[in-house]
Amino acid sequence: MASVQNSYEPQRFSVIHPLDDVAEQKCSSDGLGQIAMTRAVRISLGVLRAYLVLMTLMLCYRVLQLAGVLR
């Protein structure tokens, strides 16, 4: 009969809060140029911007309506 040995040892991980951790050097973005965007990316970002503006306007309208400023 084969015997099964239990050799599993759980690993221990220590959790360090970011404020208690050693500071690391940040990456520099100096010298990086603009990101090249394709036409599809420009259109997608434009549509996203228009959507966010529209949703913000609708939210403002609804808040003013609930506040009784608008009928």
Protein backbone atom coordinates (compact mmCIF):
# COMPACT_ATOMS: atom_id res chain seq x y z
CA MET A 1 0.00 0.00 0.00
CA ALA A 2 1.25 3.48 -0.81
CA SER A 3 1.34 5.96 2.00
CA VAL A 4 0.56 9.62 1.45
CA GLN A 5 2.77 12.07 3.21
CA ASN A 6 1.40 15.45 4.08
CA SER A 7 4.34 17.75 3.36
CA TYR A 8 2.24 20.84 2.66
CA GLU A 9 3.47 23.86 4.55
CA PRO A 10 1.37 27.00 4.20
CA GLN A 11 3.25 30.07 3.03
CA ARG A 12 3.24 33.11 5.26
CA PHE A 13 2.71 36.53 3.75
CA SER A 14 3.07 39.76 5.64
CA VAL A 15 0.85 42.69 4.74
CA ILE A 16 2.44 46.12 4.95
CA HIS A 17 0.38 49.29 4.80
CA PRO A 18 1.59 51.68 2.04
CA LEU A 19 2.17 54.46 4.58
CA ASP A 20 4.45 52.19 6.60
CA ASP A 21 6.35 50.88 3.58
CA VAL A 22 9.70 52.15 2.31
CA ALA A 23 9.26 54.88 -0.31
CA GLU A 24 10.21 53.90 -3.84
CA GLN A 25 11.55 56.08 -6.61
CA LYS A 26 8.85 57.28 -8.96
CA CYS A 27 9.09 56.98 -12.72
CA SER A 28 9.71 60.20 -14.61
CA SER A 29 7.51 61.16 -17.54
CA ASP A 30 9.91 63.82 -18.78
CA GLY A 31 10.85 63.36 -22.38
CA LEU A 32 7.79 61.33 -23.28
CA GLY A 33 5.91 62.72 -26.24
CA GLN A 34 2.25 62.66 -27.03
CA ILE A 35 0.61 59.31 -27.57
CA ALA A 36 -0.30 58.64 -31.17
CA MET A 37 -4.04 58.02 -31.45
CA THR A 38 -5.85 56.49 -34.37
CA ARG A 39 -9.03 57.93 -35.78
CA ALA A 40 -11.10 55.26 -34.04
CA VAL A 41 -9.57 56.14 -30.67
CA ARG A 42 -10.24 59.86 -31.19
CA ILE A 43 -13.87 59.14 -32.11
CA SER A 44 -14.30 56.83 -29.10
CA LEU A 45 -12.91 59.43 -26.70
CA GLY A 46 -15.09 62.13 -28.25
CA VAL A 47 -18.19 59.98 -27.85
CA LEU A 48 -17.22 59.21 -24.25
CA ARG A 49 -16.74 62.91 -23.50
CA ALA A 50 -20.11 63.77 -25.04
CA TYR A 51 -21.78 60.99 -23.03
CA LEU A 52 -20.27 62.22 -19.77
CA VAL A 53 -21.31 65.82 -20.47
CA LEU A 54 -24.84 64.69 -21.33
CA MET A 55 -25.13 62.58 -18.15
CA THR A 56 -23.85 65.48 -16.04
CA LEU A 57 -26.41 67.84 -17.56
CA MET A 58 -29.18 65.32 -16.99
CA LEU A 59 -28.09 64.91 -13.35
CA CYS A 60 -28.06 68.67 -12.81
CA TYR A 61 -31.50 68.98 -14.38
CA ARG A 62 -32.88 66.22 -12.15
CA VAL A 63 -31.37 67.74 -9.00
CA LEU A 64 -32.82 71.15 -9.84
CA GLN A 65 -36.17 69.51 -10.58
CA LEU A 66 -36.20 67.69 -7.22
CA ALA A 67 -35.15 70.89 -5.44
CA GLY A 68 -38.22 72.63 -6.87
CA VAL A 69 -36.30 75.18 -8.91
CA LEU A 70 -37.73 73.79 -12.17
CA ARG A 71 -41.28 72.64 -12.79
